[in-house]
Amino acid sequence: MELGAFSISLTITDLAASQAFYEKFGFSAFMGDPEQHWLILKNGDHVIGLFQGMFERNMLTFNPGWDASAQPLTEFTDIRQIQRQLKADGVVLMLEADENSSGPASLIALDPDGNPVMLDQHV
């Protein structure tokens, strides 16, 4: 199963301070909206999402249908197909994609230690 682009989504308390910190590691703002309290930073193929007040915990994020530059892929595994496989493998989902929909959708599972794993398809 192809999960798409990977990033870590960090729950932060001060967007400007976090952005300045990660810029010292060579990251630069790639997309986002500071007025909505979120930014996506890149350093090569490495991607960090900074989210102020949006999530309770840091989480692993995969974007089916996107490459590391948030460009649509011509071929990818749809999130609903991934969801069916995860459920068949016994993964309990905290948020499910609507099986009767197409296009953008999300799902969230928790790993054995309670870390959220989000699949967020934008295409």
PDB file of N, CA and C in Angstrom:
ATOM      1  N   MET A   1       0.859  -1.168   0.000  1.00  0.00           N
ATOM      2  CA  MET A   1       0.000   0.000   0.000  1.00  0.00           C
ATOM      3  C   MET A   1       0.903   1.228   0.000  1.00  0.00           C
ATOM      4  N   GLU A   2       0.604   2.169  -0.865  1.00  0.00           N
ATOM      5  CA  GLU A   2       1.366   3.416  -0.987  1.00  0.00           C
ATOM      6  C   GLU A   2       0.655   4.493  -0.182  1.00  0.00           C
ATOM      7  N   LEU A   3       1.353   5.079   0.797  1.00  0.00           N
ATOM      8  CA  LEU A   3       0.736   6.048   1.699  1.00  0.00           C
ATOM      9  C   LEU A   3       0.903   7.494   1.259  1.00  0.00           C
ATOM     10  N   GLY A   4       1.739   7.756   0.272  1.00  0.00           N
ATOM     11  CA  GLY A   4       1.949   9.122  -0.188  1.00  0.00           C
ATOM     12  C   GLY A   4       3.003   9.846   0.615  1.00  0.00           C
ATOM     13  N   ALA A   5       2.993  11.169   0.525  1.00  0.00           N
ATOM     14  CA  ALA A   5       3.987  12.012   1.197  1.00  0.00           C
ATOM     15  C   ALA A   5       3.903  11.823   2.708  1.00  0.00           C
ATOM     16  N   PHE A   6       5.058  11.922   3.377  1.00  0.00           N
ATOM     17  CA  PHE A   6       5.121  11.788   4.832  1.00  0.00           C
ATOM     18  C   PHE A   6       5.580  13.099   5.451  1.00  0.00           C
ATOM     19  N   SER A   7       4.982  13.443   6.585  1.00  0.00           N
ATOM     20  CA  SER A   7       5.451  14.569   7.387  1.00  0.00           C
ATOM     21  C   SER A   7       5.118  14.293   8.842  1.00  0.00           C
ATOM     22  N   ILE A   8       5.735  15.055   9.701  1.00  0.00           N
ATOM     23  CA  ILE A   8       5.378  15.027  11.108  1.00  0.00           C
ATOM     24  C   ILE A   8       4.588  16.301  11.371  1.00  0.00           C
ATOM     25  N   SER A   9       3.438  16.178  11.998  1.00  0.00           N
ATOM     26  CA  SER A   9       2.606  17.330  12.337  1.00  0.00           C
ATOM     27  C   SER A   9       2.805  17.611  13.817  1.00  0.00           C
ATOM     28  N   LEU A  10       3.392  18.767  14.106  1.00  0.00           N
ATOM     29  CA  LEU A  10       3.718  19.119  15.478  1.00  0.00           C
ATOM     30  C   LEU A  10       2.687  20.067  16.066  1.00  0.00           C
ATOM     31  N   THR A  11       2.254  19.760  17.277  1.00  0.00           N
ATOM     32  CA  THR A  11       1.392  20.638  18.044  1.00  0.00           C
ATOM     33  C   THR A  11       2.306  21.638  18.743  1.00  0.00           C
ATOM     34  N   ILE A  12       2.143  22.903  18.428  1.00  0.00           N
ATOM     35  CA  ILE A  12       3.048  23.916  18.973  1.00  0.00           C
ATOM     36  C   ILE A  12       2.238  24.998  19.677  1.00  0.00           C
ATOM     37  N   THR A  13       2.921  25.798  20.500  1.00  0.00           N
ATOM     38  CA  THR A  13       2.238  26.851  21.252  1.00  0.00           C
ATOM     39  C   THR A  13       2.514  28.245  20.698  1.00  0.00           C
ATOM     40  N   ASP A  14       3.599  28.408  19.939  1.00  0.00           N
ATOM     41  CA  ASP A  14       3.949  29.721  19.393  1.00  0.00           C
ATOM     42  C   ASP A  14       4.486  29.515  17.987  1.00  0.00           C
ATOM     43  N   LEU A  15       3.663  29.809  16.988  1.00  0.00           N
ATOM     44  CA  LEU A  15       4.019  29.550  15.599  1.00  0.00           C
ATOM     45  C   LEU A  15       5.300  30.270  15.194  1.00  0.00           C
ATOM     46  N   ALA A  16       5.414  31.545  15.516  1.00  0.00           N
ATOM     47  CA  ALA A  16       6.596  32.315  15.119  1.00  0.00           C
ATOM     48  C   ALA A  16       7.865  31.761  15.756  1.00  0.00           C
ATOM     49  N   ALA A  17       7.797  31.405  17.032  1.00  0.00           N
ATOM     50  CA  ALA A  17       8.970  30.859  17.715  1.00  0.00           C
ATOM     51  C   ALA A  17       9.366  29.503  17.129  1.00  0.00           C
ATOM     52  N   SER A  18       8.378  28.656  16.836  1.00  0.00           N
ATOM     53  CA  SER A  18       8.675  27.343  16.254  1.00  0.00           C
ATOM     54  C   SER A  18       9.241  27.492  14.849  1.00  0.00           C
ATOM     55  N   GLN A  19       8.670  28.396  14.052  1.00  0.00           N
ATOM     56  CA  GLN A  19       9.190  28.621  12.708  1.00  0.00           C
ATOM     57  C   GLN A  19      10.644  29.083  12.774  1.00  0.00           C
ATOM     58  N   ALA A  20      10.941  30.034  13.633  1.00  0.00           N
ATOM     59  CA  ALA A  20      12.310  30.535  13.773  1.00  0.00           C
ATOM     60  C   ALA A  20      13.264  29.419  14.203  1.00  0.00           C
ATOM     61  N   PHE A  21      12.819  28.562  15.116  1.00  0.00           N
ATOM     62  CA  PHE A  21      13.649  27.453  15.582  1.00  0.00           C
ATOM     63  C   PHE A  21      13.989  26.507  14.430  1.00  0.00           C
ATOM     64  N   TYR A  22      12.989  26.056  13.695  1.00  0.00           N
ATOM     65  CA  TYR A  22      13.232  25.083  12.625  1.00  0.00           C
ATOM     66  C   TYR A  22      13.951  25.696  11.428  1.00  0.00           C
ATOM     67  N   GLU A  23      13.837  27.004  11.238  1.00  0.00           N
ATOM     68  CA  GLU A  23      14.611  27.657  10.180  1.00  0.00           C
ATOM     69  C   GLU A  23      16.106  27.565  10.463  1.00  0.00           C
ATOM     70  N   LYS A  24      16.485  27.506  11.738  1.00  0.00           N
ATOM     71  CA  LYS A  24      17.900  27.340  12.101  1.00  0.00           C
ATOM     72  C   LYS A  24      18.434  25.981  11.678  1.00  0.00           C
ATOM     73  N   PHE A  25      17.533  25.026  11.429  1.00  0.00           N
ATOM     74  CA  PHE A  25      17.916  23.704  10.949  1.00  0.00           C
ATOM     75  C   PHE A  25      17.825  23.615   9.423  1.00  0.00           C
ATOM     76  N   GLY A  26      17.580  24.739   8.767  1.00  0.00           N
ATOM     77  CA  GLY A  26      17.525  24.775   7.319  1.00  0.00           C
ATOM     78  C   GLY A  26      16.142  24.603   6.721  1.00  0.00           C
ATOM     79  N   PHE A  27      15.106  24.577   7.547  1.00  0.00           N
ATOM     80  CA  PHE A  27      13.743  24.470   7.033  1.00  0.00           C
ATOM     81  C   PHE A  27      13.265  25.856   6.607  1.00  0.00           C
ATOM     82  N   SER A  28      12.382  25.893   5.608  1.00  0.00           N
ATOM     83  CA  SER A  28      11.766  27.152   5.202  1.00  0.00           C
ATOM     84  C   SER A  28      10.280  26.903   4.939  1.00  0.00           C
ATOM     85  N   ALA A  29       9.496  27.960   5.101  1.00  0.00           N
ATOM     86  CA  ALA A  29       8.046  27.854   4.911  1.00  0.00           C
ATOM     87  C   ALA A  29       7.764  27.481   3.462  1.00  0.00           C
ATOM     88  N   PHE A  30       6.908  26.481   3.306  1.00  0.00           N
ATOM     89  CA  PHE A  30       6.576  25.938   1.998  1.00  0.00           C
ATOM     90  C   PHE A  30       5.124  26.249   1.642  1.00  0.00           C
ATOM     91  N   MET A  31       4.259  26.155   2.624  1.00  0.00           N
ATOM     92  CA  MET A  31       2.851  26.483   2.439  1.00  0.00           C
ATOM     93  C   MET A  31       2.238  26.696   3.813  1.00  0.00           C
ATOM     94  N   GLY A  32       1.020  27.196   3.830  1.00  0.00           N
ATOM     95  CA  GLY A  32       0.336  27.412   5.097  1.00  0.00           C
ATOM     96  C   GLY A  32      -0.205  28.818   5.205  1.00  0.00           C
ATOM     97  N   ASP A  33      -0.738  29.124   6.383  1.00  0.00           N
ATOM     98  CA  ASP A  33      -1.340  30.419   6.628  1.00  0.00           C
ATOM     99  C   ASP A  33      -1.115  30.805   8.087  1.00  0.00           C
ATOM    100  N   PRO A  34      -0.128  31.673   8.351  1.00  0.00           N
ATOM    101  CA  PRO A  34       0.137  32.073   9.737  1.00  0.00           C
ATOM    102  C   PRO A  34      -1.085  32.669  10.438  1.00  0.00           C
ATOM    103  N   GLU A  35      -1.980  33.328   9.687  1.00  0.00           N
ATOM    104  CA  GLU A  35      -3.183  33.897  10.308  1.00  0.00           C
ATOM    105  C   GLU A  35      -4.123  32.807  10.800  1.00  0.00           C
ATOM    106  N   GLN A  36      -4.028  31.615  10.197  1.00  0.00           N
ATOM    107  CA  GLN A  36      -4.819  30.469  10.655  1.00  0.00           C
ATOM    108  C   GLN A  36      -3.995  29.565  11.576  1.00  0.00           C
ATOM    109  N   HIS A  37      -2.794  29.999  11.923  1.00  0.00           N
ATOM    110  CA  HIS A  37      -1.926  29.343  12.906  1.00  0.00           C
ATOM    111  C   HIS A  37      -1.349  28.011  12.429  1.00  0.00           C
ATOM    112  N   TRP A  38      -0.997  27.913  11.125  1.00  0.00           N
ATOM    113  CA  TRP A  38      -0.342  26.701  10.655  1.00  0.00           C
ATOM    114  C   TRP A  38       0.605  27.020   9.502  1.00  0.00           C
ATOM    115  N   LEU A  39       1.702  26.264   9.451  1.00  0.00           N
ATOM    116  CA  LEU A  39       2.695  26.363   8.381  1.00  0.00           C
ATOM    117  C   LEU A  39       3.244  24.979   8.090  1.00  0.00           C
ATOM    118  N   ILE A  40       3.634  24.768   6.848  1.00  0.00           N
ATOM    119  CA  ILE A  40       4.346  23.565   6.456  1.00  0.00           C
ATOM    120  C   ILE A  40       5.753  24.010   6.071  1.00  0.00           C
ATOM    121  N   LEU A  41       6.753  23.398   6.677  1.00  0.00           N
ATOM    122  CA  LEU A  41       8.151  23.724   6.427  1.00  0.00           C
ATOM    123  C   LEU A  41       8.830  22.569   5.712  1.00  0.00           C
ATOM    124  N   LYS A  42       9.791  22.905   4.835  1.00  0.00           N
ATOM    125  CA  LYS A  42      10.533  21.874   4.106  1.00  0.00           C
ATOM    126  C   LYS A  42      12.029  22.129   4.209  1.00  0.00           C
ATOM    127  N   ASN A  43      12.770  21.038   4.213  1.00  0.00           N
ATOM    128  CA  ASN A  43      14.217  21.036   4.066  1.00  0.00           C
ATOM    129  C   ASN A  43      14.507  19.831   3.187  1.00  0.00           C
ATOM    130  N   GLY A  44      14.704  20.054   1.883  1.00  0.00           N
ATOM    131  CA  GLY A  44      14.829  18.946   0.946  1.00  0.00           C
ATOM    132  C   GLY A  44      13.526  18.183   0.898  1.00  0.00           C
ATOM    133  N   ASP A  45      13.587  16.869   1.109  1.00  0.00           N
ATOM    134  CA  ASP A  45      12.377  16.046   1.127  1.00  0.00           C
ATOM    135  C   ASP A  45      11.763  15.928   2.520  1.00  0.00           C
ATOM    136  N   HIS A  46      12.370  16.569   3.509  1.00  0.00           N
ATOM    137  CA  HIS A  46      11.871  16.496   4.888  1.00  0.00           C
ATOM    138  C   HIS A  46      10.807  17.566   5.107  1.00  0.00           C
ATOM    139  N   VAL A  47       9.677  17.153   5.677  1.00  0.00           N
ATOM    140  CA  VAL A  47       8.541  18.060   5.841  1.00  0.00           C
ATOM    141  C   VAL A  47       8.065  18.031   7.299  1.00  0.00           C
ATOM    142  N   ILE A  48       7.875  19.234   7.845  1.00  0.00           N
ATOM    143  CA  ILE A  48       7.335  19.398   9.199  1.00  0.00           C
ATOM    144  C   ILE A  48       6.135  20.324   9.103  1.00  0.00           C
ATOM    145  N   GLY A  49       5.025  19.916   9.697  1.00  0.00           N
ATOM    146  CA  GLY A  49       3.859  20.780   9.809  1.00  0.00           C
ATOM    147  C   GLY A  49       3.812  21.371  11.208  1.00  0.00           C
ATOM    148  N   LEU A  50       3.621  22.666  11.307  1.00  0.00           N
ATOM    149  CA  LEU A  50       3.483  23.347  12.596  1.00  0.00           C
ATOM    150  C   LEU A  50       2.033  23.778  12.746  1.00  0.00           C
ATOM    151  N   PHE A  51       1.380  23.306  13.810  1.00  0.00           N
ATOM    152  CA  PHE A  51      -0.045  23.565  14.003  1.00  0.00           C
ATOM    153  C   PHE A  51      -0.280  24.078  15.415  1.00  0.00           C
ATOM    154  N   GLN A  52      -0.618  25.350  15.519  1.00  0.00           N
ATOM    155  CA  GLN A  52      -0.857  25.979  16.821  1.00  0.00           C
ATOM    156  C   GLN A  52      -2.320  25.858  17.188  1.00  0.00           C
ATOM    157  N   GLY A  53      -2.612  25.105  18.248  1.00  0.00           N
ATOM    158  CA  GLY A  53      -3.965  24.994  18.768  1.00  0.00           C
ATOM    159  C   GLY A  53      -4.914  24.147  17.936  1.00  0.00           C
ATOM    160  N   MET A  54      -4.399  23.310  17.035  1.00  0.00           N
ATOM    161  CA  MET A  54      -5.278  22.525  16.166  1.00  0.00           C
ATOM    162  C   MET A  54      -5.391  21.066  16.583  1.00  0.00           C
ATOM    163  N   PHE A  55      -4.345  20.506  17.138  1.00  0.00           N
ATOM    164  CA  PHE A  55      -4.329  19.096  17.514  1.00  0.00           C
ATOM    165  C   PHE A  55      -3.884  18.968  18.956  1.00  0.00           C
ATOM    166  N   GLU A  56      -4.300  17.873  19.591  1.00  0.00           N
ATOM    167  CA  GLU A  56      -3.901  17.638  20.977  1.00  0.00           C
ATOM    168  C   GLU A  56      -2.483  17.091  21.089  1.00  0.00           C
ATOM    169  N   ARG A  57      -2.067  16.291  20.089  1.00  0.00           N
ATOM    170  CA  ARG A  57      -0.765  15.626  20.159  1.00  0.00           C
ATOM    171  C   ARG A  57      -0.059  15.731  18.814  1.00  0.00           C
ATOM    172  N   ASN A  58       1.257  15.557  18.842  1.00  0.00           N
ATOM    173  CA  ASN A  58       2.016  15.428  17.606  1.00  0.00           C
ATOM    174  C   ASN A  58       1.521  14.186  16.881  1.00  0.00           C
ATOM    175  N   MET A  59       1.582  14.193  15.548  1.00  0.00           N
ATOM    176  CA  MET A  59       1.138  13.001  14.830  1.00  0.00           C
ATOM    177  C   MET A  59       1.922  12.805  13.544  1.00  0.00           C
ATOM    178  N   LEU A  60       1.986  11.542  13.149  1.00  0.00           N
ATOM    179  CA  LEU A  60       2.543  11.187  11.858  1.00  0.00           C
ATOM    180  C   LEU A  60       1.465  11.453  10.818  1.00  0.00           C
ATOM    181  N   THR A  61       1.841  12.049   9.696  1.00  0.00           N
ATOM    182  CA  THR A  61       0.865  12.374   8.661  1.00  0.00           C
ATOM    183  C   THR A  61       1.330  11.837   7.314  1.00  0.00           C
ATOM    184  N   PHE A  62       0.428  11.184   6.621  1.00  0.00           N
ATOM    185  CA  PHE A  62       0.665  10.695   5.268  1.00  0.00           C
ATOM    186  C   PHE A  62      -0.387  11.309   4.365  1.00  0.00           C
ATOM    187  N   ASN A  63       0.015  11.675   3.160  1.00  0.00           N
ATOM    188  CA  ASN A  63      -0.904  12.301   2.206  1.00  0.00           C
ATOM    189  C   ASN A  63      -0.991  11.473   0.931  1.00  0.00           C
ATOM    190  N   PRO A  64      -1.926  10.502   0.880  1.00  0.00           N
ATOM    191  CA  PRO A  64      -2.120   9.743  -0.355  1.00  0.00           C
ATOM    192  C   PRO A  64      -2.417  10.693  -1.516  1.00  0.00           C
ATOM    193  N   GLY A  65      -1.782  10.444  -2.643  1.00  0.00           N
ATOM    194  CA  GLY A  65      -2.019  11.263  -3.826  1.00  0.00           C
ATOM    195  C   GLY A  65      -1.092  12.441  -3.982  1.00  0.00           C
ATOM    196  N   TRP A  66      -0.216  12.680  -3.011  1.00  0.00           N
ATOM    197  CA  TRP A  66       0.741  13.784  -3.081  1.00  0.00           C
ATOM    198  C   TRP A  66       2.158  13.257  -3.024  1.00  0.00           C
ATOM    199  N   ASP A  67       3.090  13.986  -3.693  1.00  0.00           N
ATOM    200  CA  ASP A  67       4.508  13.743  -3.493  1.00  0.00           C
ATOM    201  C   ASP A  67       4.994  14.671  -2.380  1.00  0.00           C
ATOM    202  N   ALA A  68       6.290  14.650  -2.072  1.00  0.00           N
ATOM    203  CA  ALA A  68       6.833  15.436  -0.962  1.00  0.00           C
ATOM    204  C   ALA A  68       6.737  16.937  -1.188  1.00  0.00           C
ATOM    205  N   SER A  69       6.446  17.360  -2.415  1.00  0.00           N
ATOM    206  CA  SER A  69       6.276  18.786  -2.706  1.00  0.00           C
ATOM    207  C   SER A  69       4.806  19.179  -2.826  1.00  0.00           C
ATOM    208  N   ALA A  70       3.917  18.327  -2.333  1.00  0.00           N
ATOM    209  CA  ALA A  70       2.466  18.561  -2.356  1.00  0.00           C
ATOM    210  C   ALA A  70       1.941  18.669  -3.784  1.00  0.00           C
ATOM    211  N   GLN A  71       2.576  17.952  -4.694  1.00  0.00           N
ATOM    212  CA  GLN A  71       2.123  17.892  -6.079  1.00  0.00           C
ATOM    213  C   GLN A  71       1.335  16.606  -6.277  1.00  0.00           C
ATOM    214  N   PRO A  72       0.214  16.669  -6.991  1.00  0.00           N
ATOM    215  CA  PRO A  72      -0.598  15.467  -7.195  1.00  0.00           C
ATOM    216  C   PRO A  72       0.152  14.391  -7.975  1.00  0.00           C
ATOM    217  N   LEU A  73      -0.035  13.150  -7.555  1.00  0.00           N
ATOM    218  CA  LEU A  73       0.521  11.999  -8.260  1.00  0.00           C
ATOM    219  C   LEU A  73      -0.493  11.511  -9.286  1.00  0.00           C
ATOM    220  N   THR A  74      -0.011  11.012 -10.417  1.00  0.00           N
ATOM    221  CA  THR A  74      -0.936  10.504 -11.437  1.00  0.00           C
ATOM    222  C   THR A  74      -1.557   9.189 -10.999  1.00  0.00           C
ATOM    223  N   GLU A  75      -0.805   8.390 -10.265  1.00  0.00           N
ATOM    224  CA  GLU A  75      -1.330   7.127  -9.739  1.00  0.00           C
ATOM    225  C   GLU A  75      -1.046   7.053  -8.252  1.00  0.00           C
ATOM    226  N   PHE A  76      -2.050   6.631  -7.485  1.00  0.00           N
ATOM    227  CA  PHE A  76      -1.865   6.481  -6.039  1.00  0.00           C
ATOM    228  C   PHE A  76      -2.961   5.582  -5.493  1.00  0.00           C
ATOM    229  N   THR A  77      -2.743   5.088  -4.287  1.00  0.00           N
ATOM    230  CA  THR A  77      -3.732   4.267  -3.612  1.00  0.00           C
ATOM    231  C   THR A  77      -4.708   5.182  -2.882  1.00  0.00           C
ATOM    232  N   ASP A  78      -5.984   5.114  -3.245  1.00  0.00           N
ATOM    233  CA  ASP A  78      -7.006   5.947  -2.630  1.00  0.00           C
ATOM    234  C   ASP A  78      -7.145   5.607  -1.150  1.00  0.00           C
ATOM    235  N   ILE A  79      -7.422   6.626  -0.363  1.00  0.00           N
ATOM    236  CA  ILE A  79      -7.532   6.466   1.088  1.00  0.00           C
ATOM    237  C   ILE A  79      -8.581   5.429   1.485  1.00  0.00           C
ATOM    238  N   ARG A  80      -9.655   5.313   0.706  1.00  0.00           N
ATOM    239  CA  ARG A  80     -10.696   4.337   1.049  1.00  0.00           C
ATOM    240  C   ARG A  80     -10.189   2.904   0.874  1.00  0.00           C
ATOM    241  N   GLN A  81      -9.323   2.685  -0.116  1.00  0.00           N
ATOM    242  CA  GLN A  81      -8.712   1.367  -0.299  1.00  0.00           C
ATOM    243  C   GLN A  81      -7.751   1.072   0.852  1.00  0.00           C
ATOM    244  N   ILE A  82      -6.968   2.065   1.239  1.00  0.00           N
ATOM    245  CA  ILE A  82      -6.065   1.903   2.385  1.00  0.00           C
ATOM    246  C   ILE A  82      -6.879   1.615   3.642  1.00  0.00           C
ATOM    247  N   GLN A  83      -7.967   2.334   3.836  1.00  0.00           N
ATOM    248  CA  GLN A  83      -8.831   2.143   5.004  1.00  0.00           C
ATOM    249  C   GLN A  83      -9.363   0.714   5.059  1.00  0.00           C
ATOM    250  N   ARG A  84      -9.842   0.203   3.927  1.00  0.00           N
ATOM    251  CA  ARG A  84     -10.361  -1.172   3.898  1.00  0.00           C
ATOM    252  C   ARG A  84      -9.282  -2.169   4.305  1.00  0.00           C
ATOM    253  N   GLN A  85      -8.052  -1.959   3.826  1.00  0.00           N
ATOM    254  CA  GLN A  85      -6.954  -2.866   4.163  1.00  0.00           C
ATOM    255  C   GLN A  85      -6.610  -2.772   5.649  1.00  0.00           C
ATOM    256  N   LEU A  86      -6.523  -1.560   6.178  1.00  0.00           N
ATOM    257  CA  LEU A  86      -6.215  -1.388   7.595  1.00  0.00           C
ATOM    258  C   LEU A  86      -7.265  -2.064   8.469  1.00  0.00           C
ATOM    259  N   LYS A  87      -8.544  -1.861   8.137  1.00  0.00           N
ATOM    260  CA  LYS A  87      -9.610  -2.475   8.923  1.00  0.00           C
ATOM    261  C   LYS A  87      -9.566  -3.997   8.808  1.00  0.00           C
ATOM    262  N   ALA A  88      -9.258  -4.515   7.617  1.00  0.00           N
ATOM    263  CA  ALA A  88      -9.145  -5.967   7.437  1.00  0.00           C
ATOM    264  C   ALA A  88      -7.995  -6.527   8.270  1.00  0.00           C
ATOM    265  N   ASP A  89      -6.964  -5.700   8.484  1.00  0.00           N
ATOM    266  CA  ASP A  89      -5.817  -6.115   9.297  1.00  0.00           C
ATOM    267  C   ASP A  89      -6.038  -5.861  10.787  1.00  0.00           C
ATOM    268  N   GLY A  90      -7.238  -5.415  11.161  1.00  0.00           N
ATOM    269  CA  GLY A  90      -7.579  -5.247  12.571  1.00  0.00           C
ATOM    270  C   GLY A  90      -7.215  -3.908  13.171  1.00  0.00           C
ATOM    271  N   VAL A  91      -6.861  -2.933  12.345  1.00  0.00           N
ATOM    272  CA  VAL A  91      -6.537  -1.603  12.865  1.00  0.00           C
ATOM    273  C   VAL A  91      -7.841  -0.884  13.206  1.00  0.00           C
ATOM    274  N   VAL A  92      -7.917  -0.382  14.433  1.00  0.00           N
ATOM    275  CA  VAL A  92      -9.085   0.377  14.882  1.00  0.00           C
ATOM    276  C   VAL A  92      -8.874   1.831  14.479  1.00  0.00           C
ATOM    277  N   LEU A  93      -9.866   2.401  13.826  1.00  0.00           N
ATOM    278  CA  LEU A  93      -9.772   3.787  13.368  1.00  0.00           C
ATOM    279  C   LEU A  93     -10.570   4.712  14.282  1.00  0.00           C
ATOM    280  N   MET A  94      -9.960   5.838  14.619  1.00  0.00           N
ATOM    281  CA  MET A  94     -10.624   6.854  15.445  1.00  0.00           C
ATOM    282  C   MET A  94     -11.472   7.785  14.576  1.00  0.00           C
ATOM    283  N   LEU A  95     -11.057   7.939  13.324  1.00  0.00           N
ATOM    284  CA  LEU A  95     -11.779   8.732  12.332  1.00  0.00           C
ATOM    285  C   LEU A  95     -11.713   7.951  11.035  1.00  0.00           C
ATOM    286  N   GLU A  96     -12.842   7.803  10.359  1.00  0.00           N
ATOM    287  CA  GLU A  96     -12.883   7.045   9.113  1.00  0.00           C
ATOM    288  C   GLU A  96     -13.290   7.923   7.951  1.00  0.00           C
ATOM    289  N   ALA A  97     -12.752   7.593   6.778  1.00  0.00           N
ATOM    290  CA  ALA A  97     -13.187   8.223   5.535  1.00  0.00           C
ATOM    291  C   ALA A  97     -14.536   7.633   5.146  1.00  0.00           C
ATOM    292  N   ASP A  98     -15.377   8.434   4.538  1.00  0.00           N
ATOM    293  CA  ASP A  98     -16.678   7.964   4.063  1.00  0.00           C
ATOM    294  C   ASP A  98     -16.451   7.050   2.864  1.00  0.00           C
ATOM    295  N   GLU A  99     -16.800   5.775   3.012  1.00  0.00           N
ATOM    296  CA  GLU A  99     -16.603   4.786   1.944  1.00  0.00           C
ATOM    297  C   GLU A  99     -17.426   5.104   0.699  1.00  0.00           C
ATOM    298  N   ASN A 100     -18.472   5.896   0.829  1.00  0.00           N
ATOM    299  CA  ASN A 100     -19.339   6.225  -0.300  1.00  0.00           C
ATOM    300  C   ASN A 100     -18.941   7.526  -0.991  1.00  0.00           C
ATOM    301  N   SER A 101     -17.778   8.066  -0.616  1.00  0.00           N
ATOM    302  CA  SER A 101     -17.325   9.317  -1.208  1.00  0.00           C
ATOM    303  C   SER A 101     -16.146   9.056  -2.141  1.00  0.00           C
ATOM    304  N   SER A 102     -15.684  10.117  -2.767  1.00  0.00           N
ATOM    305  CA  SER A 102     -14.454  10.056  -3.553  1.00  0.00           C
ATOM    306  C   SER A 102     -13.721  11.368  -3.329  1.00  0.00           C
ATOM    307  N   GLY A 103     -12.459  11.402  -3.702  1.00  0.00           N
ATOM    308  CA  GLY A 103     -11.673  12.619  -3.534  1.00  0.00           C
ATOM    309  C   GLY A 103     -11.156  12.791  -2.122  1.00  0.00           C
ATOM    310  N   PRO A 104     -11.033  14.044  -1.673  1.00  0.00           N
ATOM    311  CA  PRO A 104     -10.437  14.319  -0.364  1.00  0.00           C
ATOM    312  C   PRO A 104     -11.161  13.607   0.780  1.00  0.00           C
ATOM    313  N   ALA A 105     -10.355  13.084   1.705  1.00  0.00           N
ATOM    314  CA  ALA A 105     -10.882  12.407   2.896  1.00  0.00           C
ATOM    315  C   ALA A 105      -9.736  12.197   3.881  1.00  0.00           C
ATOM    316  N   SER A 106     -10.089  11.882   5.117  1.00  0.00           N
ATOM    317  CA  SER A 106      -9.088  11.644   6.158  1.00  0.00           C
ATOM    318  C   SER A 106      -9.468  10.438   6.991  1.00  0.00           C
ATOM    319  N   LEU A 107      -8.445   9.852   7.600  1.00  0.00           N
ATOM    320  CA  LEU A 107      -8.648   8.828   8.614  1.00  0.00           C
ATOM    321  C   LEU A 107      -7.564   8.983   9.660  1.00  0.00           C
ATOM    322  N   ILE A 108      -7.856   8.540  10.871  1.00  0.00           N
ATOM    323  CA  ILE A 108      -6.888   8.589  11.963  1.00  0.00           C
ATOM    324  C   ILE A 108      -6.944   7.276  12.720  1.00  0.00           C
ATOM    325  N   ALA A 109      -5.764   6.730  12.981  1.00  0.00           N
ATOM    326  CA  ALA A 109      -5.604   5.557  13.837  1.00  0.00           C
ATOM    327  C   ALA A 109      -4.639   5.939  14.953  1.00  0.00           C
ATOM    328  N   LEU A 110      -4.673   5.198  16.043  1.00  0.00           N
ATOM    329  CA  LEU A 110      -3.707   5.385  17.126  1.00  0.00           C
ATOM    330  C   LEU A 110      -2.783   4.181  17.158  1.00  0.00           C
ATOM    331  N   ASP A 111      -1.476   4.432  17.261  1.00  0.00           N
ATOM    332  CA  ASP A 111      -0.549   3.305  17.385  1.00  0.00           C
ATOM    333  C   ASP A 111      -0.654   2.738  18.801  1.00  0.00           C
ATOM    334  N   PRO A 112       0.038   1.641  19.107  1.00  0.00           N
ATOM    335  CA  PRO A 112      -0.107   1.012  20.430  1.00  0.00           C
ATOM    336  C   PRO A 112       0.236   1.922  21.611  1.00  0.00           C
ATOM    337  N   ASP A 113       0.987   3.003  21.358  1.00  0.00           N
ATOM    338  CA  ASP A 113       1.335   3.930  22.427  1.00  0.00           C
ATOM    339  C   ASP A 113       0.463   5.176  22.440  1.00  0.00           C
ATOM    340  N   GLY A 114      -0.581   5.188  21.611  1.00  0.00           N
ATOM    341  CA  GLY A 114      -1.501   6.307  21.581  1.00  0.00           C
ATOM    342  C   GLY A 114      -1.099   7.449  20.665  1.00  0.00           C
ATOM    343  N   ASN A 115      -0.067   7.234  19.835  1.00  0.00           N
ATOM    344  CA  ASN A 115       0.352   8.268  18.893  1.00  0.00           C
ATOM    345  C   ASN A 115      -0.578   8.276  17.687  1.00  0.00           C
ATOM    346  N   PRO A 116      -1.144   9.423  17.336  1.00  0.00           N
ATOM    347  CA  PRO A 116      -2.032   9.485  16.186  1.00  0.00           C
ATOM    348  C   PRO A 116      -1.261   9.319  14.869  1.00  0.00           C
ATOM    349  N   VAL A 117      -1.857   8.590  13.965  1.00  0.00           N
ATOM    350  CA  VAL A 117      -1.369   8.425  12.597  1.00  0.00           C
ATOM    351  C   VAL A 117      -2.508   8.866  11.702  1.00  0.00           C
ATOM    352  N   MET A 118      -2.296   9.967  10.976  1.00  0.00           N
ATOM    353  CA  MET A 118      -3.350  10.515  10.130  1.00  0.00           C
ATOM    354  C   MET A 118      -3.003  10.304   8.669  1.00  0.00           C
ATOM    355  N   LEU A 119      -3.983   9.850   7.901  1.00  0.00           N
ATOM    356  CA  LEU A 119      -3.892   9.845   6.448  1.00  0.00           C
ATOM    357  C   LEU A 119      -4.848  10.924   5.988  1.00  0.00           C
ATOM    358  N   ASP A 120      -4.336  11.886   5.243  1.00  0.00           N
ATOM    359  CA  ASP A 120      -5.097  13.063   4.857  1.00  0.00           C
ATOM    360  C   ASP A 120      -4.939  13.252   3.349  1.00  0.00           C
ATOM    361  N   GLN A 121      -5.922  12.769   2.612  1.00  0.00           N
ATOM    362  CA  GLN A 121      -5.882  12.832   1.153  1.00  0.00           C
ATOM    363  C   GLN A 121      -6.541  14.124   0.693  1.00  0.00           C
ATOM    364  N   HIS A 122      -5.820  14.898  -0.108  1.00  0.00           N
ATOM    365  CA  HIS A 122      -6.314  16.194  -0.585  1.00  0.00           C
ATOM    366  C   HIS A 122      -6.777  16.176  -2.040  1.00  0.00           C
ATOM    367  N   VAL A 123      -6.575  15.065  -2.731  1.00  0.00           N
ATOM    368  CA  VAL A 123      -6.945  14.977  -4.158  1.00  0.00           C
ATOM    369  C   VAL A 123      -8.044  13.961  -4.368  1.00  0.00           C
TER     370      VAL A 123
END
